[in-house]
Amino acid sequence: MDICIGDDSPGFDIFYGTSNVEEIEDHPVKFENPLPDWLKGTLIRNSPGRFEVGKRNFTNLFDGFAKGLSWKFQGNGQALFSAKFLRTDSYNASMEKNDIAEYLTIGAGAAAIFY
């Protein structure tokens, strides 16, 4: 998968889409304009990344499962991107039972949605 950052970037939703469950590790990123060679280091951010499990969803933004994002700037005009969920007890239990596990949350977990 090629990821290019720009105005019409098809990869933009991979990084910032709601409830994107995809995880990426050290994926090379291409930019429309080159990065300066002096840009070197790692930028680490956390964000909410998943709001649904099974047929239920969280009702508060702060309850979503955390997703760590990192940009590694190589110092040679290249960058790598990673996005992974934090494997907390709550996350692991929820994934195991395919439902929101019973943990302390700010909002209530929404009732199951039946289709």
PDB file of N, CA and C in Angstrom:
ATOM      1  N   MET A   1       0.847  -1.163   0.000  1.00  0.00           N
ATOM      2  CA  MET A   1       0.000   0.000   0.000  1.00  0.00           C
ATOM      3  C   MET A   1       0.897   1.233   0.000  1.00  0.00           C
ATOM      4  N   ASP A   2       0.699   2.129  -0.964  1.00  0.00           N
ATOM      5  CA  ASP A   2       1.407   3.402  -0.998  1.00  0.00           C
ATOM      6  C   ASP A   2       0.584   4.440  -0.268  1.00  0.00           C
ATOM      7  N   ILE A   3       1.225   5.202   0.562  1.00  0.00           N
ATOM      8  CA  ILE A   3       0.562   6.288   1.265  1.00  0.00           C
ATOM      9  C   ILE A   3       1.243   7.576   0.866  1.00  0.00           C
ATOM     10  N   CYS A   4       0.464   8.525   0.378  1.00  0.00           N
ATOM     11  CA  CYS A   4       0.987   9.828  -0.037  1.00  0.00           C
ATOM     12  C   CYS A   4       0.172  10.900   0.669  1.00  0.00           C
ATOM     13  N   ILE A   5       0.839  11.828   1.319  1.00  0.00           N
ATOM     14  CA  ILE A   5       0.158  12.873   2.058  1.00  0.00           C
ATOM     15  C   ILE A   5       0.009  14.096   1.157  1.00  0.00           C
ATOM     16  N   GLY A   6      -1.212  14.530   0.959  1.00  0.00           N
ATOM     17  CA  GLY A   6      -1.506  15.695   0.136  1.00  0.00           C
ATOM     18  C   GLY A   6      -2.985  16.009   0.208  1.00  0.00           C
ATOM     19  N   ASP A   7      -3.421  16.992  -0.564  1.00  0.00           N
ATOM     20  CA  ASP A   7      -4.814  17.427  -0.505  1.00  0.00           C
ATOM     21  C   ASP A   7      -5.808  16.315  -0.839  1.00  0.00           C
ATOM     22  N   ASP A   8      -5.515  15.500  -1.836  1.00  0.00           N
ATOM     23  CA  ASP A   8      -6.428  14.439  -2.253  1.00  0.00           C
ATOM     24  C   ASP A   8      -5.899  13.067  -1.860  1.00  0.00           C
ATOM     25  N   SER A   9      -5.207  12.994  -0.757  1.00  0.00           N
ATOM     26  CA  SER A   9      -4.558  11.751  -0.356  1.00  0.00           C
ATOM     27  C   SER A   9      -5.576  10.666  -0.030  1.00  0.00           C
ATOM     28  N   PRO A  10      -5.529   9.545  -0.742  1.00  0.00           N
ATOM     29  CA  PRO A  10      -6.430   8.444  -0.401  1.00  0.00           C
ATOM     30  C   PRO A  10      -6.063   7.787   0.922  1.00  0.00           C
ATOM     31  N   GLY A  11      -4.861   8.001   1.425  1.00  0.00           N
ATOM     32  CA  GLY A  11      -4.437   7.400   2.681  1.00  0.00           C
ATOM     33  C   GLY A  11      -4.801   8.205   3.908  1.00  0.00           C
ATOM     34  N   PHE A  12      -5.360   9.414   3.724  1.00  0.00           N
ATOM     35  CA  PHE A  12      -5.661  10.283   4.855  1.00  0.00           C
ATOM     36  C   PHE A  12      -6.596   9.606   5.850  1.00  0.00           C
ATOM     37  N   ASP A  13      -7.629   8.909   5.367  1.00  0.00           N
ATOM     38  CA  ASP A  13      -8.580   8.254   6.263  1.00  0.00           C
ATOM     39  C   ASP A  13      -7.960   7.118   7.053  1.00  0.00           C
ATOM     40  N   ILE A  14      -6.871   6.538   6.544  1.00  0.00           N
ATOM     41  CA  ILE A  14      -6.192   5.472   7.284  1.00  0.00           C
ATOM     42  C   ILE A  14      -5.673   6.016   8.612  1.00  0.00           C
ATOM     43  N   PHE A  15      -5.208   7.264   8.594  1.00  0.00           N
ATOM     44  CA  PHE A  15      -4.638   7.847   9.805  1.00  0.00           C
ATOM     45  C   PHE A  15      -5.686   8.455  10.720  1.00  0.00           C
ATOM     46  N   TYR A  16      -6.719   9.092  10.155  1.00  0.00           N
ATOM     47  CA  TYR A  16      -7.622   9.900  10.960  1.00  0.00           C
ATOM     48  C   TYR A  16      -9.081   9.498  10.867  1.00  0.00           C
ATOM     49  N   GLY A  17      -9.393   8.372  10.249  1.00  0.00           N
ATOM     50  CA  GLY A  17     -10.780   7.929  10.129  1.00  0.00           C
ATOM     51  C   GLY A  17     -11.329   7.461  11.466  1.00  0.00           C
ATOM     52  N   THR A  18     -12.636   7.550  11.639  1.00  0.00           N
ATOM     53  CA  THR A  18     -13.278   7.114  12.865  1.00  0.00           C
ATOM     54  C   THR A  18     -13.287   5.598  12.951  1.00  0.00           C
ATOM     55  N   SER A  19     -12.937   5.076  14.083  1.00  0.00           N
ATOM     56  CA  SER A  19     -12.943   3.645  14.366  1.00  0.00           C
ATOM     57  C   SER A  19     -12.205   2.823  13.325  1.00  0.00           C
ATOM     58  N   ASN A  20     -11.089   3.311  12.906  1.00  0.00           N
ATOM     59  CA  ASN A  20     -10.255   2.546  11.976  1.00  0.00           C
ATOM     60  C   ASN A  20      -9.507   1.496  12.787  1.00  0.00           C
ATOM     61  N   VAL A  21      -9.772   0.233  12.509  1.00  0.00           N
ATOM     62  CA  VAL A  21      -9.168  -0.840  13.280  1.00  0.00           C
ATOM     63  C   VAL A  21      -7.852  -1.321  12.690  1.00  0.00           C
ATOM     64  N   GLU A  22      -7.435  -0.734  11.578  1.00  0.00           N
ATOM     65  CA  GLU A  22      -6.177  -1.134  10.948  1.00  0.00           C
ATOM     66  C   GLU A  22      -4.986  -0.665  11.786  1.00  0.00           C
ATOM     67  N   GLU A  23      -3.987  -1.521  11.866  1.00  0.00           N
ATOM     68  CA  GLU A  23      -2.745  -1.161  12.538  1.00  0.00           C
ATOM     69  C   GLU A  23      -1.619  -1.210  11.507  1.00  0.00           C
ATOM     70  N   ILE A  24      -0.717  -0.260  11.623  1.00  0.00           N
ATOM     71  CA  ILE A  24       0.394  -0.125  10.680  1.00  0.00           C
ATOM     72  C   ILE A  24       1.665   0.013  11.502  1.00  0.00           C
ATOM     73  N   GLU A  25       2.752  -0.603  11.049  1.00  0.00           N
ATOM     74  CA  GLU A  25       4.015  -0.450  11.762  1.00  0.00           C
ATOM     75  C   GLU A  25       5.126  -0.096  10.784  1.00  0.00           C
ATOM     76  N   ASP A  26       5.759   1.050  11.036  1.00  0.00           N
ATOM     77  CA  ASP A  26       6.906   1.542  10.257  1.00  0.00           C
ATOM     78  C   ASP A  26       6.646   1.505   8.755  1.00  0.00           C
ATOM     79  N   HIS A  27       5.512   2.067   8.358  1.00  0.00           N
ATOM     80  CA  HIS A  27       5.161   2.119   6.940  1.00  0.00           C
ATOM     81  C   HIS A  27       5.769   3.383   6.311  1.00  0.00           C
ATOM     82  N   PRO A  28       6.510   3.258   5.208  1.00  0.00           N
ATOM     83  CA  PRO A  28       7.081   4.437   4.549  1.00  0.00           C
ATOM     84  C   PRO A  28       5.975   5.345   4.005  1.00  0.00           C
ATOM     85  N   VAL A  29       6.146   6.641   4.173  1.00  0.00           N
ATOM     86  CA  VAL A  29       5.166   7.623   3.715  1.00  0.00           C
ATOM     87  C   VAL A  29       5.827   8.520   2.674  1.00  0.00           C
ATOM     88  N   LYS A  30       5.126   8.739   1.561  1.00  0.00           N
ATOM     89  CA  LYS A  30       5.609   9.642   0.514  1.00  0.00           C
ATOM     90  C   LYS A  30       4.860  10.960   0.639  1.00  0.00           C
ATOM     91  N   PHE A  31       5.569  12.062   0.473  1.00  0.00           N
ATOM     92  CA  PHE A  31       4.976  13.388   0.558  1.00  0.00           C
ATOM     93  C   PHE A  31       5.049  14.069  -0.801  1.00  0.00           C
ATOM     94  N   GLU A  32       4.065  14.935  -1.100  1.00  0.00           N
ATOM     95  CA  GLU A  32       4.091  15.691  -2.351  1.00  0.00           C
ATOM     96  C   GLU A  32       5.312  16.610  -2.391  1.00  0.00           C
ATOM     97  N   ASN A  33       5.595  17.244  -1.268  1.00  0.00           N
ATOM     98  CA  ASN A  33       6.772  18.114  -1.154  1.00  0.00           C
ATOM     99  C   ASN A  33       7.782  17.401  -0.271  1.00  0.00           C
ATOM    100  N   PRO A  34       9.057  17.437  -0.638  1.00  0.00           N
ATOM    101  CA  PRO A  34      10.064  16.698   0.140  1.00  0.00           C
ATOM    102  C   PRO A  34      10.240  17.262   1.550  1.00  0.00           C
ATOM    103  N   LEU A  35      10.530  16.354   2.480  1.00  0.00           N
ATOM    104  CA  LEU A  35      10.848  16.769   3.843  1.00  0.00           C
ATOM    105  C   LEU A  35      12.275  17.284   3.883  1.00  0.00           C
ATOM    106  N   PRO A  36      12.549  18.270   4.731  1.00  0.00           N
ATOM    107  CA  PRO A  36      13.937  18.736   4.842  1.00  0.00           C
ATOM    108  C   PRO A  36      14.827  17.669   5.482  1.00  0.00           C
ATOM    109  N   ASP A  37      16.052  17.583   5.048  1.00  0.00           N
ATOM    110  CA  ASP A  37      16.982  16.577   5.568  1.00  0.00           C
ATOM    111  C   ASP A  37      17.290  16.757   7.056  1.00  0.00           C
ATOM    112  N   TRP A  38      17.131  17.979   7.589  1.00  0.00           N
ATOM    113  CA  TRP A  38      17.442  18.219   8.991  1.00  0.00           C
ATOM    114  C   TRP A  38      16.341  17.697   9.924  1.00  0.00           C
ATOM    115  N   LEU A  39      15.175  17.349   9.366  1.00  0.00           N
ATOM    116  CA  LEU A  39      14.073  16.868  10.199  1.00  0.00           C
ATOM    117  C   LEU A  39      14.352  15.425  10.615  1.00  0.00           C
ATOM    118  N   LYS A  40      14.669  15.248  11.894  1.00  0.00           N
ATOM    119  CA  LYS A  40      15.045  13.933  12.405  1.00  0.00           C
ATOM    120  C   LYS A  40      14.480  13.760  13.808  1.00  0.00           C
ATOM    121  N   GLY A  41      13.895  12.593  14.069  1.00  0.00           N
ATOM    122  CA  GLY A  41      13.353  12.305  15.393  1.00  0.00           C
ATOM    123  C   GLY A  41      12.033  11.579  15.284  1.00  0.00           C
ATOM    124  N   THR A  42      11.368  11.414  16.426  1.00  0.00           N
ATOM    125  CA  THR A  42      10.105  10.697  16.472  1.00  0.00           C
ATOM    126  C   THR A  42       9.047  11.551  17.155  1.00  0.00           C
ATOM    127  N   LEU A  43       7.876  11.641  16.529  1.00  0.00           N
ATOM    128  CA  LEU A  43       6.727  12.332  17.097  1.00  0.00           C
ATOM    129  C   LEU A  43       5.722  11.256  17.495  1.00  0.00           C
ATOM    130  N   ILE A  44       5.348  11.226  18.763  1.00  0.00           N
ATOM    131  CA  ILE A  44       4.413  10.226  19.264  1.00  0.00           C
ATOM    132  C   ILE A  44       3.172  10.952  19.770  1.00  0.00           C
ATOM    133  N   ARG A  45       2.014  10.474  19.314  1.00  0.00           N
ATOM    134  CA  ARG A  45       0.735  11.057  19.722  1.00  0.00           C
ATOM    135  C   ARG A  45      -0.193   9.929  20.146  1.00  0.00           C
ATOM    136  N   ASN A  46      -1.133  10.236  21.008  1.00  0.00           N
ATOM    137  CA  ASN A  46      -2.181   9.272  21.315  1.00  0.00           C
ATOM    138  C   ASN A  46      -3.503   9.851  20.841  1.00  0.00           C
ATOM    139  N   SER A  47      -4.425   8.971  20.531  1.00  0.00           N
ATOM    140  CA  SER A  47      -5.732   9.419  20.053  1.00  0.00           C
ATOM    141  C   SER A  47      -6.754   8.335  20.332  1.00  0.00           C
ATOM    142  N   PRO A  48      -8.031   8.725  20.374  1.00  0.00           N
ATOM    143  CA  PRO A  48      -9.044   7.675  20.432  1.00  0.00           C
ATOM    144  C   PRO A  48      -9.049   6.976  19.073  1.00  0.00           C
ATOM    145  N   GLY A  49      -9.211   5.678  19.055  1.00  0.00           N
ATOM    146  CA  GLY A  49      -9.108   4.989  17.783  1.00  0.00           C
ATOM    147  C   GLY A  49     -10.223   4.015  17.478  1.00  0.00           C
ATOM    148  N   ARG A  50     -10.946   3.567  18.474  1.00  0.00           N
ATOM    149  CA  ARG A  50     -12.007   2.598  18.212  1.00  0.00           C
ATOM    150  C   ARG A  50     -13.138   2.839  19.190  1.00  0.00           C
ATOM    151  N   PHE A  51     -14.356   2.896  18.647  1.00  0.00           N
ATOM    152  CA  PHE A  51     -15.524   3.196  19.473  1.00  0.00           C
ATOM    153  C   PHE A  51     -16.564   2.091  19.460  1.00  0.00           C
ATOM    154  N   GLU A  52     -16.372   1.064  18.635  1.00  0.00           N
ATOM    155  CA  GLU A  52     -17.333  -0.028  18.557  1.00  0.00           C
ATOM    156  C   GLU A  52     -16.628  -1.360  18.809  1.00  0.00           C
ATOM    157  N   VAL A  53     -17.347  -2.252  19.441  1.00  0.00           N
ATOM    158  CA  VAL A  53     -16.904  -3.640  19.584  1.00  0.00           C
ATOM    159  C   VAL A  53     -18.156  -4.484  19.455  1.00  0.00           C
ATOM    160  N   GLY A  54     -18.133  -5.436  18.559  1.00  0.00           N
ATOM    161  CA  GLY A  54     -19.325  -6.238  18.332  1.00  0.00           C
ATOM    162  C   GLY A  54     -20.459  -5.359  17.859  1.00  0.00           C
ATOM    163  N   LYS A  55     -21.598  -5.456  18.538  1.00  0.00           N
ATOM    164  CA  LYS A  55     -22.779  -4.670  18.142  1.00  0.00           C
ATOM    165  C   LYS A  55     -23.021  -3.469  19.061  1.00  0.00           C
ATOM    166  N   ARG A  56     -22.058  -3.158  19.915  1.00  0.00           N
ATOM    167  CA  ARG A  56     -22.232  -2.016  20.822  1.00  0.00           C
ATOM    168  C   ARG A  56     -21.147  -0.982  20.578  1.00  0.00           C
ATOM    169  N   ASN A  57     -21.430   0.257  21.001  1.00  0.00           N
ATOM    170  CA  ASN A  57     -20.441   1.316  20.865  1.00  0.00           C
ATOM    171  C   ASN A  57     -20.409   2.184  22.123  1.00  0.00           C
ATOM    172  N   PHE A  58     -19.281   2.845  22.305  1.00  0.00           N
ATOM    173  CA  PHE A  58     -19.154   3.797  23.407  1.00  0.00           C
ATOM    174  C   PHE A  58     -19.960   5.043  23.075  1.00  0.00           C
ATOM    175  N   THR A  59     -20.408   5.742  24.120  1.00  0.00           N
ATOM    176  CA  THR A  59     -21.210   6.952  23.907  1.00  0.00           C
ATOM    177  C   THR A  59     -20.445   8.219  24.268  1.00  0.00           C
ATOM    178  N   ASN A  60     -19.199   8.087  24.680  1.00  0.00           N
ATOM    179  CA  ASN A  60     -18.399   9.252  25.031  1.00  0.00           C
ATOM    180  C   ASN A  60     -17.049   9.148  24.328  1.00  0.00           C
ATOM    181  N   LEU A  61     -16.589  10.245  23.767  1.00  0.00           N
ATOM    182  CA  LEU A  61     -15.323  10.284  23.039  1.00  0.00           C
ATOM    183  C   LEU A  61     -14.163   9.773  23.891  1.00  0.00           C
ATOM    184  N   PHE A  62     -14.176  10.075  25.174  1.00  0.00           N
ATOM    185  CA  PHE A  62     -13.059   9.700  26.045  1.00  0.00           C
ATOM    186  C   PHE A  62     -13.014   8.206  26.384  1.00  0.00           C
ATOM    187  N   ASP A  63     -14.065   7.479  26.056  1.00  0.00           N
ATOM    188  CA  ASP A  63     -14.105   6.054  26.364  1.00  0.00           C
ATOM    189  C   ASP A  63     -13.541   5.179  25.251  1.00  0.00           C
ATOM    190  N   GLY A  64     -13.337   5.717  24.081  1.00  0.00           N
ATOM    191  CA  GLY A  64     -12.818   4.922  22.962  1.00  0.00           C
ATOM    192  C   GLY A  64     -11.454   4.321  23.289  1.00  0.00           C
ATOM    193  N   PHE A  65     -11.164   3.185  22.681  1.00  0.00           N
ATOM    194  CA  PHE A  65      -9.870   2.543  22.912  1.00  0.00           C
ATOM    195  C   PHE A  65      -8.759   3.391  22.311  1.00  0.00           C
ATOM    196  N   ALA A  66      -7.692   3.559  23.064  1.00  0.00           N
ATOM    197  CA  ALA A  66      -6.594   4.432  22.661  1.00  0.00           C
ATOM    198  C   ALA A  66      -5.769   3.814  21.535  1.00  0.00           C
ATOM    199  N   LYS A  67      -5.335   4.675  20.634  1.00  0.00           N
ATOM    200  CA  LYS A  67      -4.479   4.257  19.532  1.00  0.00           C
ATOM    201  C   LYS A  67      -3.251   5.163  19.536  1.00  0.00           C
ATOM    202  N   GLY A  68      -2.086   4.546  19.606  1.00  0.00           N
ATOM    203  CA  GLY A  68      -0.838   5.298  19.569  1.00  0.00           C
ATOM    204  C   GLY A  68      -0.412   5.514  18.123  1.00  0.00           C
ATOM    205  N   LEU A  69      -0.011   6.733  17.817  1.00  0.00           N
ATOM    206  CA  LEU A  69       0.446   7.092  16.474  1.00  0.00           C
ATOM    207  C   LEU A  69       1.881   7.586  16.564  1.00  0.00           C
ATOM    208  N   SER A  70       2.730   7.163  15.641  1.00  0.00           N
ATOM    209  CA  SER A  70       4.095   7.687  15.650  1.00  0.00           C
ATOM    210  C   SER A  70       4.568   7.984  14.236  1.00  0.00           C
ATOM    211  N   TRP A  71       5.302   9.059  14.139  1.00  0.00           N
ATOM    212  CA  TRP A  71       5.988   9.459  12.902  1.00  0.00           C
ATOM    213  C   TRP A  71       7.477   9.408  13.212  1.00  0.00           C
ATOM    214  N   LYS A  72       8.210   8.648  12.440  1.00  0.00           N
ATOM    215  CA  LYS A  72       9.666   8.585  12.590  1.00  0.00           C
ATOM    216  C   LYS A  72      10.289   9.291  11.396  1.00  0.00           C
ATOM    217  N   PHE A  73      10.943  10.404  11.669  1.00  0.00           N
ATOM    218  CA  PHE A  73      11.615  11.172  10.621  1.00  0.00           C
ATOM    219  C   PHE A  73      13.078  10.757  10.596  1.00  0.00           C
ATOM    220  N   GLN A  74      13.510  10.227   9.471  1.00  0.00           N
ATOM    221  CA  GLN A  74      14.806   9.577   9.348  1.00  0.00           C
ATOM    222  C   GLN A  74      15.993  10.528   9.226  1.00  0.00           C
ATOM    223  N   GLY A  75      15.739  11.796   8.906  1.00  0.00           N
ATOM    224  CA  GLY A  75      16.842  12.732   8.723  1.00  0.00           C
ATOM    225  C   GLY A  75      17.405  12.698   7.312  1.00  0.00           C
ATOM    226  N   ASN A  76      16.772  11.952   6.431  1.00  0.00           N
ATOM    227  CA  ASN A  76      17.216  11.869   5.039  1.00  0.00           C
ATOM    228  C   ASN A  76      16.055  12.165   4.085  1.00  0.00           C
ATOM    229  N   GLY A  77      15.033  12.882   4.592  1.00  0.00           N
ATOM    230  CA  GLY A  77      13.876  13.220   3.775  1.00  0.00           C
ATOM    231  C   GLY A  77      12.802  12.145   3.770  1.00  0.00           C
ATOM    232  N   GLN A  78      12.989  11.083   4.536  1.00  0.00           N
ATOM    233  CA  GLN A  78      12.016   9.995   4.576  1.00  0.00           C
ATOM    234  C   GLN A  78      11.347   9.929   5.949  1.00  0.00           C
ATOM    235  N   ALA A  79      10.134   9.349   5.957  1.00  0.00           N
ATOM    236  CA  ALA A  79       9.393   9.204   7.203  1.00  0.00           C
ATOM    237  C   ALA A  79       8.687   7.853   7.225  1.00  0.00           C
ATOM    238  N   LEU A  80       8.496   7.335   8.440  1.00  0.00           N
ATOM    239  CA  LEU A  80       7.769   6.088   8.654  1.00  0.00           C
ATOM    240  C   LEU A  80       6.604   6.382   9.591  1.00  0.00           C
ATOM    241  N   PHE A  81       5.473   5.734   9.352  1.00  0.00           N
ATOM    242  CA  PHE A  81       4.282   5.947  10.171  1.00  0.00           C
ATOM    243  C   PHE A  81       3.860   4.633  10.811  1.00  0.00           C
ATOM    244  N   SER A  82       3.441   4.705  12.089  1.00  0.00           N
ATOM    245  CA  SER A  82       2.901   3.544  12.802  1.00  0.00           C
ATOM    246  C   SER A  82       1.626   3.949  13.528  1.00  0.00           C
ATOM    247  N   ALA A  83       0.685   3.019  13.615  1.00  0.00           N
ATOM    248  CA  ALA A  83      -0.559   3.223  14.356  1.00  0.00           C
ATOM    249  C   ALA A  83      -0.944   1.887  14.984  1.00  0.00           C
ATOM    250  N   LYS A  84      -0.991   1.855  16.318  1.00  0.00           N
ATOM    251  CA  LYS A  84      -1.306   0.603  17.022  1.00  0.00           C
ATOM    252  C   LYS A  84      -2.173   0.906  18.242  1.00  0.00           C
ATOM    253  N   PHE A  85      -3.058  -0.036  18.536  1.00  0.00           N
ATOM    254  CA  PHE A  85      -3.885   0.103  19.731  1.00  0.00           C
ATOM    255  C   PHE A  85      -3.083  -0.252  20.972  1.00  0.00           C
ATOM    256  N   LEU A  86      -3.371   0.453  22.067  1.00  0.00           N
ATOM    257  CA  LEU A  86      -2.760   0.113  23.343  1.00  0.00           C
ATOM    258  C   LEU A  86      -3.478  -1.113  23.883  1.00  0.00           C
ATOM    259  N   ARG A  87      -2.743  -2.126  24.199  1.00  0.00           N
ATOM    260  CA  ARG A  87      -3.309  -3.404  24.646  1.00  0.00           C
ATOM    261  C   ARG A  87      -3.575  -3.369  26.155  1.00  0.00           C
ATOM    262  N   THR A  88      -4.583  -2.585  26.546  1.00  0.00           N
ATOM    263  CA  THR A  88      -4.956  -2.483  27.957  1.00  0.00           C
ATOM    264  C   THR A  88      -5.793  -3.703  28.355  1.00  0.00           C
ATOM    265  N   ASP A  89      -6.019  -3.880  29.655  1.00  0.00           N
ATOM    266  CA  ASP A  89      -6.878  -4.964  30.120  1.00  0.00           C
ATOM    267  C   ASP A  89      -8.275  -4.844  29.514  1.00  0.00           C
ATOM    268  N   SER A  90      -8.795  -3.623  29.480  1.00  0.00           N
ATOM    269  CA  SER A  90     -10.132  -3.383  28.928  1.00  0.00           C
ATOM    270  C   SER A  90     -10.185  -3.729  27.443  1.00  0.00           C
ATOM    271  N   TYR A  91      -9.186  -3.308  26.691  1.00  0.00           N
ATOM    272  CA  TYR A  91      -9.122  -3.607  25.256  1.00  0.00           C
ATOM    273  C   TYR A  91      -9.054  -5.112  25.026  1.00  0.00           C
ATOM    274  N   ASN A  92      -8.141  -5.781  25.730  1.00  0.00           N
ATOM    275  CA  ASN A  92      -7.962  -7.226  25.548  1.00  0.00           C
ATOM    276  C   ASN A  92      -9.234  -7.999  25.891  1.00  0.00           C
ATOM    277  N   ALA A  93      -9.892  -7.653  27.006  1.00  0.00           N
ATOM    278  CA  ALA A  93     -11.121  -8.339  27.401  1.00  0.00           C
ATOM    279  C   ALA A  93     -12.239  -8.094  26.389  1.00  0.00           C
ATOM    280  N   SER A  94     -12.335  -6.885  25.899  1.00  0.00           N
ATOM    281  CA  SER A  94     -13.371  -6.556  24.913  1.00  0.00           C
ATOM    282  C   SER A  94     -13.148  -7.291  23.595  1.00  0.00           C
ATOM    283  N   MET A  95     -11.902  -7.369  23.153  1.00  0.00           N
ATOM    284  CA  MET A  95     -11.615  -8.070  21.900  1.00  0.00           C
ATOM    285  C   MET A  95     -11.884  -9.569  22.054  1.00  0.00           C
ATOM    286  N   GLU A  96     -11.563 -10.099  23.236  1.00  0.00           N
ATOM    287  CA  GLU A  96     -11.750 -11.530  23.475  1.00  0.00           C
ATOM    288  C   GLU A  96     -13.221 -11.930  23.427  1.00  0.00           C
ATOM    289  N   LYS A  97     -14.097 -11.072  24.003  1.00  0.00           N
ATOM    290  CA  LYS A  97     -15.526 -11.429  24.031  1.00  0.00           C
ATOM    291  C   LYS A  97     -16.322 -10.756  22.921  1.00  0.00           C
ATOM    292  N   ASN A  98     -15.668  -9.957  22.065  1.00  0.00           N
ATOM    293  CA  ASN A  98     -16.316  -9.228  20.964  1.00  0.00           C
ATOM    294  C   ASN A  98     -17.499  -8.398  21.463  1.00  0.00           C
ATOM    295  N   ASP A  99     -17.275  -7.718  22.579  1.00  0.00           N
ATOM    296  CA  ASP A  99     -18.273  -6.853  23.198  1.00  0.00           C
ATOM    297  C   ASP A  99     -17.508  -5.910  24.127  1.00  0.00           C
ATOM    298  N   ILE A 100     -18.121  -4.809  24.479  1.00  0.00           N
ATOM    299  CA  ILE A 100     -17.466  -3.875  25.397  1.00  0.00           C
ATOM    300  C   ILE A 100     -17.426  -4.508  26.780  1.00  0.00           C
ATOM    301  N   ALA A 101     -16.217  -4.731  27.276  1.00  0.00           N
ATOM    302  CA  ALA A 101     -16.059  -5.345  28.599  1.00  0.00           C
ATOM    303  C   ALA A 101     -16.492  -4.371  29.684  1.00  0.00           C
ATOM    304  N   GLU A 102     -16.839  -4.900  30.837  1.00  0.00           N
ATOM    305  CA  GLU A 102     -17.287  -4.075  31.952  1.00  0.00           C
ATOM    306  C   GLU A 102     -16.090  -3.434  32.639  1.00  0.00           C
ATOM    307  N   TYR A 103     -15.883  -2.177  32.335  1.00  0.00           N
ATOM    308  CA  TYR A 103     -14.828  -1.380  32.956  1.00  0.00           C
ATOM    309  C   TYR A 103     -15.393  -0.002  33.223  1.00  0.00           C
ATOM    310  N   LEU A 104     -14.724   0.741  34.087  1.00  0.00           N
ATOM    311  CA  LEU A 104     -15.158   2.094  34.399  1.00  0.00           C
ATOM    312  C   LEU A 104     -15.041   2.974  33.157  1.00  0.00           C
ATOM    313  N   THR A 105     -16.133   3.617  32.779  1.00  0.00           N
ATOM    314  CA  THR A 105     -16.135   4.511  31.624  1.00  0.00           C
ATOM    315  C   THR A 105     -16.801   5.826  32.014  1.00  0.00           C
ATOM    316  N   ILE A 106     -16.612   6.857  31.207  1.00  0.00           N
ATOM    317  CA  ILE A 106     -17.241   8.146  31.455  1.00  0.00           C
ATOM    318  C   ILE A 106     -18.708   8.092  31.040  1.00  0.00           C
ATOM    319  N   GLY A 107     -18.953   7.568  29.827  1.00  0.00           N
ATOM    320  CA  GLY A 107     -20.316   7.407  29.338  1.00  0.00           C
ATOM    321  C   GLY A 107     -20.739   5.952  29.452  1.00  0.00           C
ATOM    322  N   ALA A 108     -21.969   5.688  29.128  1.00  0.00           N
ATOM    323  CA  ALA A 108     -22.454   4.306  29.143  1.00  0.00           C
ATOM    324  C   ALA A 108     -22.202   3.671  27.786  1.00  0.00           C
ATOM    325  N   GLY A 109     -21.963   2.380  27.773  1.00  0.00           N
ATOM    326  CA  GLY A 109     -21.892   1.661  26.511  1.00  0.00           C
ATOM    327  C   GLY A 109     -23.290   1.572  25.932  1.00  0.00           C
ATOM    328  N   ALA A 110     -23.442   1.863  24.670  1.00  0.00           N
ATOM    329  CA  ALA A 110     -24.773   1.835  24.051  1.00  0.00           C
ATOM    330  C   ALA A 110     -25.287   0.404  24.009  1.00  0.00           C
ATOM    331  N   ALA A 111     -26.589   0.284  24.061  1.00  0.00           N
ATOM    332  CA  ALA A 111     -27.210  -1.036  23.975  1.00  0.00           C
ATOM    333  C   ALA A 111     -26.892  -1.684  22.638  1.00  0.00           C
ATOM    334  N   ALA A 112     -26.991  -2.985  22.603  1.00  0.00           N
ATOM    335  CA  ALA A 112     -26.715  -3.709  21.362  1.00  0.00           C
ATOM    336  C   ALA A 112     -27.655  -3.234  20.255  1.00  0.00           C
ATOM    337  N   ILE A 113     -27.122  -3.151  19.061  1.00  0.00           N
ATOM    338  CA  ILE A 113     -27.901  -2.761  17.899  1.00  0.00           C
ATOM    339  C   ILE A 113     -28.253  -4.028  17.132  1.00  0.00           C
ATOM    340  N   PHE A 114     -29.527  -4.245  16.886  1.00  0.00           N
ATOM    341  CA  PHE A 114     -29.939  -5.442  16.159  1.00  0.00           C
ATOM    342  C   PHE A 114     -30.320  -5.047  14.744  1.00  0.00           C
ATOM    343  N   TYR A 115     -29.856  -5.803  13.793  1.00  0.00           N
ATOM    344  CA  TYR A 115     -30.130  -5.500  12.374  1.00  0.00           C
ATOM    345  C   TYR A 115     -31.199  -6.409  11.839  1.00  0.00           C
TER     346      TYR A 115
END
